Amino acid sequence: MAAGQQDGLLEGSPYKTTIVPVQEAPQPQQQSGRSGKRRQYATAIILNIAALAAGTVMGWPSPAGPVLTNATLSPLDNDADGVGEPVSPEHMSWLASVNFLIGLPGTLLFGALADRLGRRVAGLVVAVPYALSWIFIATTDSLLPLYAARLLGGIASGATLVISPLYIAETAEDAHRGALGTFLAVGINSGIFVSFAVSSFTTYRAMPLVLLLLPAVYFLCLLKLPETPVYLVKRGRTAAARHSLAWYRGGAAVDAELETLQAAAKREDSSSDSDTVSFGELFTHRGTRRALIQSLVLLANQQFCGVIAVLNYTEMIFHEAGSSLSPTAAAMIVAALQAVATYLSSFLIDRTGRKTLLIVSNVLMATCLITLGGCFFAQNLGHDISAVGWLPVLAMSLYVVAFAMGLGPVPLVMLSETYSARARSLATAVGIGCQTLCAFVSTKFFLNLQSLLGMHGCLWLFAGCCLAGAAFVALAAIETKGKTLERILAEFHGDLVLPSRTATPDEEAREDDDDDEVFRRNDAPQAP
């Protein structure tokens, strides 16, 4: 090996010579006590009450659709003649998907607000469009305000997908990062179940009034949390940052950690005149570009597996599949299983590994979609499948469990693990924007695909996307489990990582101090 390569770096790399020890997990850093851990978990729960609200926005079309499209049950009366006016299937497809379309600018808007006004202020603002959305749905008699409600819900949902993981990433210790990162998916999936459950014992008008409690509780709880220490250091508010860090660490000594944050902020200030990278810089820096490509592919995989479309039309799918259970009961079972499985994934993600969960999840989902599509195909051929009426419910249940255990939470966790502090906010906004755009496409055109390909063809197409995602993860994705941020960034940039002995505590401490140096150097322009 040449001398330059022997040092462990590729020619032209922005990193200094560093031997990264190969080990299952890095040496543990000094951690806060139980009080700090409880506060970090409480913070994640509070931030993801907004995710719970986002889940109710996503889940609303499934119970609301059969009411709005029924001439007898529809509460809409555009001409005020006292006669209900049903919503056409085309309008219903837009109502089910427009929230994802507006979520794209919503993520970018709140990503910018989080950098300018702070994570906490931006998080508090998120509650406003959630509340207005449910108020409009509860009170409107016409279609136009209903669209406005869905747009507001989409803006709030898109903002939540940026603010919640950003807030948690900047307050959680590395030891809890993976588990807390899954709370976003837990909240969203639990919210879908909540919307199904609330609709089962309330009327169309009462349902949004019950769900209005979620943004109210979220707002009041978030008022009690301090701003993130990373943002405060970035703004030069040292005393406030010390107080915030001490609170999130449960009163543990924070001087060393605060000094590390300050040193990182100074290095970033010296490397750029702006606090954050520009949109173009995300693509001109090799490591950031590769991380962004991985994030975008995984988030597209997450949506084109068809989960949002399938959940939005759960009752319709069970009705057409000839399930022996009532569509409403089957939908609630599926949503409950998804919520529980997502919670269980928080215990697996730091034990099993991100890539393993993604591959297994994709393969199992493809199997379930092929099976469910087979039920529809058999029906189209005129076969009676009533003897196996349980099979569609089983296939759908395993499908959402597989999604919730892997493809649901893991891409969001990896999204928060792979960028420097300067790039994280904008890269997260771009990633979530891509996610919401893909969700819109898969939801809006689900009914069109069904008409073109049949339900079986539509489900088999989603299965193909799952298998393609599994292949990408196996061949191209970079594992982040048990690795320092320095090592993750080095792998994305293409630097060699050489085997070595286990690092001593002093070496580990120096390596931790070097993390932010790598972030800064990774932001320096490099040749493709």
Protein backbone atom coordinates (compact mmCIF):
# COMPACT_ATOMS: atom_id res chain seq x y z
CA MET A 1 0.00 0.00 0.00
CA ALA A 2 1.25 3.49 -0.84
CA ALA A 3 2.37 5.73 1.95
CA GLY A 4 -0.57 8.12 1.55
CA GLN A 5 -3.02 5.25 1.68
CA GLN A 6 -1.23 3.68 4.60
CA ASP A 7 -2.21 6.74 6.62
CA GLY A 8 -5.83 5.71 6.14
CA LEU A 9 -6.99 8.47 3.79
CA LEU A 10 -7.72 8.77 0.11
CA GLU A 11 -5.82 11.42 -1.81
CA GLY A 12 -7.65 14.75 -1.78
CA SER A 13 -9.74 13.89 1.26
CA PRO A 14 -10.63 16.76 3.62
CA TYR A 15 -10.04 14.62 6.69
CA LYS A 16 -6.87 14.43 8.71
CA THR A 17 -5.23 11.07 9.29
CA THR A 18 -7.43 9.15 11.69
CA ILE A 19 -7.46 5.46 12.55
CA VAL A 20 -11.03 4.56 13.43
CA PRO A 21 -11.27 1.43 15.60
CA VAL A 22 -13.52 -1.29 14.26
CA GLN A 23 -15.82 -2.30 17.08
CA GLU A 24 -19.49 -3.07 17.53
CA ALA A 25 -20.10 0.25 19.26
CA PRO A 26 -17.99 3.21 20.32
CA GLN A 27 -16.75 3.47 23.85
CA PRO A 28 -19.50 4.98 25.99
CA GLN A 29 -19.21 8.63 26.80
CA GLN A 30 -20.00 10.01 30.21
CA GLN A 31 -23.78 10.04 30.39
CA SER A 32 -26.30 11.88 32.48
CA GLY A 33 -28.13 10.15 35.28
CA ARG A 34 -31.65 8.84 35.39
CA SER A 35 -33.08 12.33 35.66
CA GLY A 36 -31.41 13.38 32.41
CA LYS A 37 -32.58 10.25 30.63
CA ARG A 38 -36.15 10.81 31.83
CA ARG A 39 -36.07 14.40 30.59
CA GLN A 40 -34.74 13.38 27.19
CA TYR A 41 -37.48 10.76 26.84
CA ALA A 42 -40.10 13.24 28.05
CA THR A 43 -38.89 15.75 25.46
CA ALA A 44 -39.20 13.15 22.70
CA ILE A 45 -42.73 12.28 23.85
CA ILE A 46 -43.81 15.94 23.96
CA LEU A 47 -42.35 16.73 20.54
CA ASN A 48 -44.07 13.70 19.10
CA ILE A 49 -47.52 14.65 20.35
CA ALA A 50 -47.30 16.74 17.18
CA ALA A 51 -46.46 13.52 15.32
CA LEU A 52 -49.59 12.00 16.86
CA ALA A 53 -51.52 14.94 15.42
CA ALA A 54 -49.86 14.37 12.03
CA GLY A 55 -51.03 10.76 12.13
CA THR A 56 -54.63 11.84 12.71
CA VAL A 57 -54.37 14.14 9.67
CA MET A 58 -53.09 11.22 7.59
CA GLY A 59 -55.69 8.80 8.94
CA TRP A 60 -58.73 11.09 8.57
CA PRO A 61 -59.63 10.16 4.93
CA SER A 62 -60.23 6.48 5.72
CA PRO A 63 -63.19 7.00 8.11
CA ALA A 64 -64.28 10.30 6.55
CA GLY A 65 -64.30 9.06 2.94
CA PRO A 66 -67.31 6.71 3.25
CA VAL A 67 -69.29 9.55 4.87
CA LEU A 68 -68.36 12.30 2.43
CA THR A 69 -68.95 10.19 -0.68
CA ASN A 70 -72.37 8.96 0.50
CA ALA A 71 -75.30 11.05 -0.72
CA THR A 72 -77.32 10.26 2.40
CA LEU A 73 -74.58 10.76 5.00
CA SER A 74 -72.60 13.66 3.49
CA PRO A 75 -72.61 16.74 5.79
CA LEU A 76 -71.68 19.09 2.94
CA ASP A 77 -74.31 21.44 1.55
CA ASN A 78 -72.68 23.88 -0.87
CA ASP A 79 -75.92 25.56 -2.01
CA ALA A 80 -77.50 25.61 1.50
CA ASP A 81 -80.67 23.88 0.32
CA GLY A 82 -80.66 21.38 3.18
CA VAL A 83 -79.76 18.46 0.94
CA GLY A 84 -76.43 16.72 1.48
CA GLU A 85 -74.02 16.76 -1.45
CA PRO A 86 -71.63 13.82 -1.81
CA VAL A 87 -67.98 14.33 -2.71
CA SER A 88 -66.92 12.80 -6.01
CA PRO A 89 -64.18 10.12 -6.03
CA GLU A 90 -61.85 12.58 -7.80
CA HIS A 91 -62.32 15.23 -5.10
CA MET A 92 -61.92 12.57 -2.41
CA SER A 93 -58.59 11.51 -3.89
CA TRP A 94 -57.44 15.14 -3.73
CA LEU A 95 -58.66 15.55 -0.15
CA ALA A 96 -56.72 12.41 0.79
CA SER A 97 -53.49 13.59 -0.84
CA VAL A 98 -53.32 17.39 -0.96
CA ASN A 99 -51.96 17.52 2.59
CA PHE A 100 -48.83 15.71 1.37
CA LEU A 101 -48.39 18.10 -1.56
CA ILE A 102 -48.47 21.21 0.64
CA GLY A 103 -46.21 19.46 3.14
CA LEU A 104 -43.31 20.02 0.72
CA PRO A 105 -43.18 23.84 1.09
CA GLY A 106 -44.20 23.39 4.73
CA THR A 107 -41.01 21.51 5.50
CA LEU A 108 -38.85 24.14 3.81
CA LEU A 109 -40.68 27.01 5.52
CA PHE A 110 -40.38 25.56 9.00
CA GLY A 111 -36.82 24.43 8.39
CA ALA A 112 -35.97 28.10 7.79
CA LEU A 113 -38.05 29.21 10.79
CA ALA A 114 -36.23 26.73 13.03
CA ASP A 115 -32.91 28.31 12.06
CA ARG A 116 -34.04 31.91 12.40
CA LEU A 117 -36.45 31.86 15.34
CA GLY A 118 -35.29 28.75 17.17
CA ARG A 119 -36.48 25.17 17.37
CA ARG A 120 -38.85 25.88 20.26
CA VAL A 121 -40.61 28.89 18.70
CA ALA A 122 -41.01 27.09 15.38
CA GLY A 123 -42.39 24.08 17.25
CA LEU A 124 -44.97 26.22 19.05
CA VAL A 125 -46.13 27.75 15.76
CA VAL A 126 -46.81 24.24 14.41
CA ALA A 127 -49.81 23.92 16.75
CA VAL A 128 -51.67 26.77 15.02
CA PRO A 129 -52.33 25.18 11.59
CA TYR A 130 -53.22 21.88 13.29
CA ALA A 131 -55.90 23.62 15.36
CA LEU A 132 -57.28 25.64 12.44
CA SER A 133 -57.47 22.49 10.31
CA TRP A 134 -59.73 20.65 12.74
CA ILE A 135 -61.87 23.73 13.39
CA PHE A 136 -62.52 24.11 9.65
CA ILE A 137 -63.45 20.43 9.25
CA ALA A 138 -65.83 20.59 12.21
CA THR A 139 -67.66 23.71 11.05
CA THR A 140 -67.64 23.84 7.24
CA ASP A 141 -70.58 22.92 5.02
CA SER A 142 -68.79 23.36 1.70
CA LEU A 143 -65.92 21.78 -0.17
CA LEU A 144 -63.54 24.75 -0.47
CA PRO A 145 -62.98 25.22 3.30
CA LEU A 146 -62.49 21.46 3.53
CA TYR A 147 -59.59 21.78 1.09
CA ALA A 148 -58.25 24.67 3.17
CA ALA A 149 -58.39 22.45 6.26
CA ARG A 150 -56.44 19.70 4.55
CA LEU A 151 -53.84 22.21 3.34
CA LEU A 152 -53.36 23.55 6.86
CA GLY A 153 -53.06 20.01 8.22
CA GLY A 154 -50.47 19.25 5.56
CA ILE A 155 -48.39 22.32 6.44
CA ALA A 156 -48.42 21.34 10.12
CA SER A 157 -47.57 17.72 9.33
CA GLY A 158 -44.65 18.70 7.12
CA ALA A 159 -43.39 21.06 9.82
CA THR A 160 -43.60 18.29 12.42
CA LEU A 161 -41.44 16.00 10.29
CA VAL A 162 -38.71 18.66 10.41
CA ILE A 163 -39.04 20.12 13.92
CA SER A 164 -39.48 16.94 15.97
CA PRO A 165 -36.40 14.98 14.77
CA LEU A 166 -34.29 18.17 14.76
CA TYR A 167 -35.27 19.02 18.35
CA ILE A 168 -34.62 15.48 19.55
CA ALA A 169 -31.28 15.18 17.72
CA GLU A 170 -30.05 18.35 19.44
CA THR A 171 -31.12 17.35 22.95
CA ALA A 172 -30.56 13.56 23.11
CA GLU A 173 -27.34 11.82 24.09
CA ASP A 174 -25.82 9.36 21.63
CA ALA A 175 -26.80 6.41 23.83
CA HIS A 176 -30.49 7.25 23.40
CA ARG A 177 -30.39 8.69 19.88
CA GLY A 178 -31.61 5.64 17.98
CA ALA A 179 -34.48 4.76 20.33
CA LEU A 180 -35.72 8.34 20.58
CA GLY A 181 -35.48 8.72 16.82
CA THR A 182 -38.19 6.07 16.37
CA PHE A 183 -40.69 8.09 18.43
CA LEU A 184 -41.65 10.13 15.35
CA ALA A 185 -42.88 7.05 13.52
CA VAL A 186 -44.51 5.75 16.72
CA GLY A 187 -46.42 9.02 17.03
CA ILE A 188 -47.57 9.09 13.41
CA ASN A 189 -48.73 5.47 13.40
CA SER A 190 -50.43 5.87 16.78
CA GLY A 191 -52.19 8.95 15.38
CA ILE A 192 -53.58 6.93 12.48
CA PHE A 193 -55.00 4.45 14.98
CA VAL A 194 -56.41 7.29 17.10
CA SER A 195 -58.25 8.73 14.09
CA PHE A 196 -59.75 5.30 13.33
CA ALA A 197 -60.69 4.72 16.97
CA VAL A 198 -62.22 8.16 17.56
CA SER A 199 -64.31 7.86 14.37
CA SER A 200 -65.79 4.61 15.68
CA PHE A 201 -67.59 6.30 18.59
CA THR A 202 -68.11 9.87 17.36
CA THR A 203 -69.90 11.58 14.49
CA TYR A 204 -68.22 13.22 11.53
CA ARG A 205 -68.59 16.65 13.17
CA ALA A 206 -67.49 15.55 16.65
CA MET A 207 -64.35 13.72 15.52
CA PRO A 208 -62.28 16.86 14.68
CA LEU A 209 -63.30 18.50 17.97
CA VAL A 210 -61.88 15.54 19.89
CA LEU A 211 -58.70 15.56 17.82
CA LEU A 212 -58.32 19.30 18.46
CA LEU A 213 -57.11 18.34 21.94
CA LEU A 214 -53.80 17.05 20.54
CA PRO A 215 -52.35 20.35 19.28
CA ALA A 216 -53.60 22.07 22.44
CA VAL A 217 -51.82 19.61 24.74
CA TYR A 218 -48.70 19.73 22.56
CA PHE A 219 -48.53 23.54 22.71
CA LEU A 220 -48.92 23.67 26.49
CA CYS A 221 -46.31 20.97 27.09
CA LEU A 222 -43.76 22.47 24.69
CA LEU A 223 -43.98 25.78 26.57
CA LYS A 224 -42.30 24.01 29.50
CA LEU A 225 -39.23 22.83 27.53
CA PRO A 226 -36.01 24.84 27.11
CA GLU A 227 -34.63 25.72 23.70
CA THR A 228 -32.07 23.22 22.38
CA PRO A 229 -28.49 23.86 23.60
CA VAL A 230 -27.10 23.49 20.06
CA TYR A 231 -29.25 26.36 18.77
CA LEU A 232 -28.43 28.59 21.78
CA VAL A 233 -24.69 28.05 21.34
CA LYS A 234 -25.08 28.78 17.65
CA ARG A 235 -26.64 32.14 18.59
CA GLY A 236 -23.94 32.97 21.14
CA ARG A 237 -26.25 32.69 24.16
CA THR A 238 -23.80 30.83 26.38
CA ALA A 239 -25.59 31.22 29.73
CA ALA A 240 -28.90 30.02 28.28
CA ALA A 241 -27.13 27.13 26.54
CA ARG A 242 -25.51 26.05 29.82
CA HIS A 243 -28.88 26.13 31.59
CA SER A 244 -30.55 24.20 28.75
CA LEU A 245 -27.82 21.55 28.62
CA ALA A 246 -27.89 21.12 32.40
CA TRP A 247 -31.65 20.62 32.28
CA TYR A 248 -31.49 18.00 29.53
CA ARG A 249 -28.66 16.19 31.35
CA GLY A 250 -30.49 16.17 34.65
CA GLY A 251 -28.06 18.45 36.46
CA ALA A 252 -24.95 16.48 35.47
CA ALA A 253 -21.69 18.34 34.80
CA VAL A 254 -21.97 19.90 31.35
CA ASP A 255 -18.84 22.07 31.07
CA ALA A 256 -16.98 19.67 28.78
CA GLU A 257 -19.97 19.13 26.52
CA LEU A 258 -20.69 22.86 26.38
CA GLU A 259 -17.08 23.59 25.44
CA THR A 260 -17.34 21.04 22.64
CA LEU A 261 -20.48 22.72 21.30
CA GLN A 262 -18.84 26.14 21.49
CA ALA A 263 -15.72 24.92 19.71
CA ALA A 264 -17.85 23.41 16.96
CA ALA A 265 -19.81 26.67 16.59
CA LYS A 266 -16.59 28.69 16.30
CA ARG A 267 -15.18 26.37 13.66
CA GLU A 268 -18.39 26.62 11.66
CA ASP A 269 -18.38 30.42 11.93
CA SER A 270 -14.81 30.53 10.66
CA SER A 271 -15.58 28.22 7.75
CA SER A 272 -18.62 30.09 6.46
CA ASP A 273 -20.23 33.49 6.62
CA SER A 274 -23.65 31.91 7.05
CA ASP A 275 -25.07 29.75 9.81
CA THR A 276 -26.32 27.10 7.39
CA VAL A 277 -25.30 25.70 4.03
CA SER A 278 -27.09 26.82 0.88
CA PHE A 279 -29.28 24.49 -1.14
CA GLY A 280 -26.62 24.20 -3.84
CA GLU A 281 -23.96 23.27 -1.30
CA LEU A 282 -25.89 20.13 -0.40
CA PHE A 283 -24.97 18.77 -3.83
CA THR A 284 -21.45 20.19 -4.27
CA HIS A 285 -19.88 18.53 -1.21
CA ARG A 286 -19.18 14.87 -1.80
CA GLY A 287 -20.03 13.46 1.63
CA THR A 288 -23.19 15.56 2.03
CA ARG A 289 -24.30 14.69 -1.51
CA ARG A 290 -23.92 10.95 -0.94
CA ALA A 291 -25.74 11.17 2.39
CA LEU A 292 -28.56 13.13 0.75
CA ILE A 293 -28.89 10.61 -2.09
CA GLN A 294 -29.15 7.76 0.42
CA SER A 295 -31.75 9.67 2.43
CA LEU A 296 -33.86 10.50 -0.64
CA VAL A 297 -33.82 6.92 -1.93
CA LEU A 298 -34.80 5.50 1.47
CA LEU A 299 -37.60 8.04 1.93
CA ALA A 300 -38.89 7.34 -1.58
CA ASN A 301 -38.76 3.62 -0.78
CA GLN A 302 -40.73 4.36 2.39
CA GLN A 303 -43.58 5.99 0.45
CA PHE A 304 -43.64 3.97 -2.78
CA CYS A 305 -44.08 0.80 -0.77
CA GLY A 306 -47.68 2.07 -0.78
CA VAL A 307 -48.27 2.28 2.94
CA ILE A 308 -49.95 5.71 3.05
CA ALA A 309 -52.18 4.90 0.08
CA VAL A 310 -53.11 1.54 1.57
CA LEU A 311 -53.89 3.06 4.99
CA ASN A 312 -55.94 5.89 3.46
CA TYR A 313 -58.11 3.35 1.64
CA THR A 314 -58.00 0.57 4.24
CA GLU A 315 -61.77 0.22 4.61
CA MET A 316 -62.27 0.18 0.83
CA ILE A 317 -59.55 -2.48 0.38
CA PHE A 318 -61.02 -4.80 3.01
CA HIS A 319 -64.51 -4.35 1.57
CA GLU A 320 -63.36 -5.22 -1.96
CA ALA A 321 -61.16 -8.10 -0.76
CA GLY A 322 -64.17 -9.87 0.73
CA SER A 323 -62.79 -10.01 4.26
CA SER A 324 -64.91 -11.81 6.82
CA LEU A 325 -64.40 -8.90 9.26
CA SER A 326 -66.20 -5.57 8.94
CA PRO A 327 -64.02 -2.99 7.14
CA THR A 328 -64.03 -0.65 10.16
CA ALA A 329 -62.97 -3.37 12.61
CA ALA A 330 -60.27 -4.66 10.25
CA ALA A 331 -58.92 -1.11 9.73
CA MET A 332 -58.67 -0.57 13.50
CA ILE A 333 -56.83 -3.87 13.96
CA VAL A 334 -54.32 -2.93 11.26
CA ALA A 335 -53.74 0.56 12.70
CA ALA A 336 -53.32 -0.80 16.24
CA LEU A 337 -50.80 -3.42 15.11
CA GLN A 338 -48.83 -0.77 13.25
CA ALA A 339 -48.66 1.48 16.32
CA VAL A 340 -47.52 -1.35 18.62
CA ALA A 341 -44.95 -2.64 16.12
CA THR A 342 -43.46 0.84 15.68
CA TYR A 343 -43.04 1.11 19.44
CA LEU A 344 -41.30 -2.28 19.54
CA SER A 345 -38.93 -1.13 16.79
CA SER A 346 -37.41 1.37 19.24
CA PHE A 347 -35.92 -1.60 21.11
CA LEU A 348 -34.54 -3.23 17.96
CA ILE A 349 -33.04 -0.35 16.03
CA ASP A 350 -29.88 -0.04 18.15
CA ARG A 351 -29.51 -3.81 18.52
CA THR A 352 -30.24 -5.28 15.11
CA GLY A 353 -28.86 -2.57 12.84
CA ARG A 354 -30.50 -0.21 10.37
CA LYS A 355 -29.69 -2.16 7.19
CA THR A 356 -30.93 -5.49 8.53
CA LEU A 357 -34.27 -3.99 9.59
CA LEU A 358 -34.72 -2.27 6.22
CA ILE A 359 -33.97 -5.40 4.18
CA VAL A 360 -36.18 -7.70 6.25
CA SER A 361 -38.96 -5.10 6.31
CA ASN A 362 -38.94 -4.62 2.53
CA VAL A 363 -38.91 -8.35 1.76
CA LEU A 364 -41.75 -9.13 4.18
CA MET A 365 -43.83 -6.24 2.87
CA ALA A 366 -43.35 -7.41 -0.71
CA THR A 367 -44.48 -10.92 0.30
CA CYS A 368 -47.62 -9.57 1.97
CA LEU A 369 -48.49 -7.28 -0.96
CA ILE A 370 -48.07 -10.15 -3.43
CA THR A 371 -50.37 -12.29 -1.26
CA LEU A 372 -52.99 -9.55 -0.90
CA GLY A 373 -52.83 -8.86 -4.63
CA GLY A 374 -53.36 -12.57 -5.23
CA CYS A 375 -56.65 -12.40 -3.31
CA PHE A 376 -57.90 -9.65 -5.62
CA PHE A 377 -56.64 -11.47 -8.71
CA ALA A 378 -58.48 -14.63 -7.68
CA GLN A 379 -61.67 -12.60 -7.21
CA ASN A 380 -61.27 -11.07 -10.68
CA LEU A 381 -61.07 -14.59 -12.12
CA GLY A 382 -64.38 -15.43 -10.44
CA HIS A 383 -63.07 -17.60 -7.60
CA ASP A 384 -64.83 -17.57 -4.25
CA ILE A 385 -62.28 -16.74 -1.52
CA SER A 386 -64.73 -16.62 1.39
CA ALA A 387 -63.12 -19.78 2.82
CA VAL A 388 -59.91 -17.79 3.29
CA GLY A 389 -61.56 -14.49 4.24
CA TRP A 390 -59.03 -14.18 7.04
CA LEU A 391 -56.11 -14.07 4.59
CA PRO A 392 -56.50 -10.41 3.49
CA VAL A 393 -56.58 -9.29 7.13
CA LEU A 394 -53.51 -11.40 7.95
CA ALA A 395 -51.58 -10.14 4.92
CA MET A 396 -52.45 -6.51 5.61
CA SER A 397 -51.62 -6.89 9.31
CA LEU A 398 -48.20 -8.42 8.63
CA TYR A 399 -47.61 -5.75 5.98
CA VAL A 400 -48.09 -2.84 8.40
CA VAL A 401 -46.14 -4.64 11.14
CA ALA A 402 -43.21 -5.14 8.76
CA PHE A 403 -43.39 -1.48 7.76
CA ALA A 404 -43.57 -0.28 11.34
CA MET A 405 -40.62 -2.42 12.43
CA GLY A 406 -38.29 -1.21 9.71
CA LEU A 407 -39.15 0.94 6.72
CA GLY A 408 -41.33 3.28 8.77
CA PRO A 409 -38.91 4.55 11.45
CA VAL A 410 -35.44 3.68 10.14
CA PRO A 411 -35.17 6.18 7.22
CA LEU A 412 -36.11 9.02 9.58
CA VAL A 413 -33.55 7.89 12.16
CA MET A 414 -30.83 7.69 9.51
CA LEU A 415 -31.86 11.08 8.15
CA SER A 416 -30.90 12.69 11.47
CA GLU A 417 -27.60 10.79 11.77
CA THR A 418 -25.75 11.65 8.59
CA TYR A 419 -25.21 15.42 8.36
CA SER A 420 -23.06 18.09 9.96
CA ALA A 421 -24.73 20.67 12.21
CA ARG A 422 -24.62 23.30 9.44
CA ALA A 423 -26.26 21.00 6.87
CA ARG A 424 -28.65 19.10 9.14
CA SER A 425 -31.59 21.50 9.18
CA LEU A 426 -31.74 22.13 5.43
CA ALA A 427 -30.93 18.52 4.51
CA THR A 428 -33.70 17.32 6.83
CA ALA A 429 -36.14 19.75 5.24
CA VAL A 430 -35.18 18.58 1.74
CA GLY A 431 -35.48 14.93 2.76
CA ILE A 432 -38.87 15.37 4.38
CA GLY A 433 -39.98 17.44 1.40
CA CYS A 434 -39.12 14.53 -0.88
CA GLN A 435 -40.97 12.18 1.46
CA THR A 436 -44.16 14.24 1.40
CA LEU A 437 -44.01 14.64 -2.39
CA CYS A 438 -43.69 10.86 -2.83
CA ALA A 439 -46.55 10.35 -0.36
CA PHE A 440 -48.71 12.72 -2.42
CA VAL A 441 -47.97 10.89 -5.67
CA SER A 442 -48.64 7.43 -4.23
CA THR A 443 -51.87 8.56 -2.53
CA LYS A 444 -53.32 10.82 -5.22
CA PHE A 445 -52.83 8.37 -8.07
CA PHE A 446 -53.67 5.20 -6.14
CA LEU A 447 -57.24 5.19 -7.46
CA ASN A 448 -56.00 5.98 -10.99
CA LEU A 449 -53.56 3.06 -10.80
CA GLN A 450 -56.33 0.86 -9.50
CA SER A 451 -58.47 1.71 -12.54
CA LEU A 452 -55.55 1.11 -14.90
CA LEU A 453 -53.95 -1.99 -13.37
CA GLY A 454 -56.65 -3.36 -11.12
CA MET A 455 -56.21 -3.58 -7.37
CA HIS A 456 -53.99 -6.65 -7.77
CA GLY A 457 -51.71 -4.90 -10.27
CA CYS A 458 -51.45 -1.84 -8.04
CA LEU A 459 -50.42 -3.91 -5.03
CA TRP A 460 -47.92 -5.91 -7.07
CA LEU A 461 -46.38 -2.66 -8.32
CA PHE A 462 -45.86 -1.58 -4.70
CA ALA A 463 -44.32 -5.00 -4.01
CA GLY A 464 -41.80 -4.39 -6.80
CA CYS A 465 -40.83 -1.08 -5.20
CA CYS A 466 -40.21 -2.90 -1.91
CA LEU A 467 -37.90 -5.42 -3.57
CA ALA A 468 -36.02 -2.61 -5.34
CA GLY A 469 -35.60 -0.88 -1.99
CA ALA A 470 -34.23 -4.04 -0.39
CA ALA A 471 -31.68 -4.34 -3.22
CA PHE A 472 -30.54 -0.73 -2.78
CA VAL A 473 -30.07 -1.13 0.97
CA ALA A 474 -28.13 -4.37 0.55
CA LEU A 475 -25.83 -3.02 -2.16
CA ALA A 476 -25.41 0.71 -1.55
CA ALA A 477 -26.64 1.92 1.86
CA ILE A 478 -24.16 2.71 4.66
CA GLU A 479 -24.86 1.26 8.11
CA THR A 480 -24.91 3.84 10.95
CA LYS A 481 -25.56 1.61 13.96
CA GLY A 482 -22.94 1.88 16.70
CA LYS A 483 -20.78 4.40 14.82
CA THR A 484 -19.60 7.87 15.79
CA LEU A 485 -20.72 10.74 13.60
CA GLU A 486 -17.10 11.16 12.49
CA ARG A 487 -16.95 7.64 11.17
CA ILE A 488 -20.34 7.95 9.45
CA LEU A 489 -19.30 11.15 7.68
CA ALA A 490 -15.93 9.62 6.73
CA GLU A 491 -17.65 6.64 5.11
CA PHE A 492 -19.99 8.87 3.14
CA HIS A 493 -17.02 10.87 1.88
CA GLY A 494 -15.24 7.67 0.83
CA ASP A 495 -12.32 7.70 3.25
CA LEU A 496 -10.77 4.38 4.18
CA VAL A 497 -11.66 3.05 7.61
CA LEU A 498 -8.87 0.78 8.82
CA PRO A 499 -9.12 -1.92 11.49
CA SER A 500 -7.35 -1.07 14.69
CA ARG A 501 -7.14 -1.93 18.31
CA THR A 502 -9.86 -0.69 20.67
CA ALA A 503 -9.34 2.96 21.46
CA THR A 504 -8.44 4.07 24.96
CA PRO A 505 -10.80 6.45 26.80
CA ASP A 506 -8.43 9.37 26.13
CA GLU A 507 -8.39 8.55 22.42
CA GLU A 508 -12.15 8.28 22.37
CA ALA A 509 -12.42 11.69 24.03
CA ARG A 510 -10.13 13.21 21.40
CA GLU A 511 -12.16 11.50 18.69
CA ASP A 512 -15.37 13.01 20.06
CA ASP A 513 -13.75 16.47 20.05
CA ASP A 514 -12.79 15.90 16.42
CA ASP A 515 -16.38 15.18 15.30
CA ASP A 516 -17.22 18.81 14.67
CA GLU A 517 -13.87 19.31 12.89
CA VAL A 518 -14.94 16.60 10.46
CA PHE A 519 -18.34 18.28 10.04
CA ARG A 520 -16.58 21.51 9.07
CA ARG A 521 -14.13 19.86 6.71
CA ASN A 522 -16.89 17.85 5.12
CA ASP A 523 -18.54 21.15 4.20
CA ALA A 524 -15.47 22.25 2.21
CA PRO A 525 -16.08 21.97 -1.57
CA GLN A 526 -14.61 18.80 -3.07
CA ALA A 527 -14.29 17.42 -6.55
CA PRO A 528 -16.96 14.82 -7.36
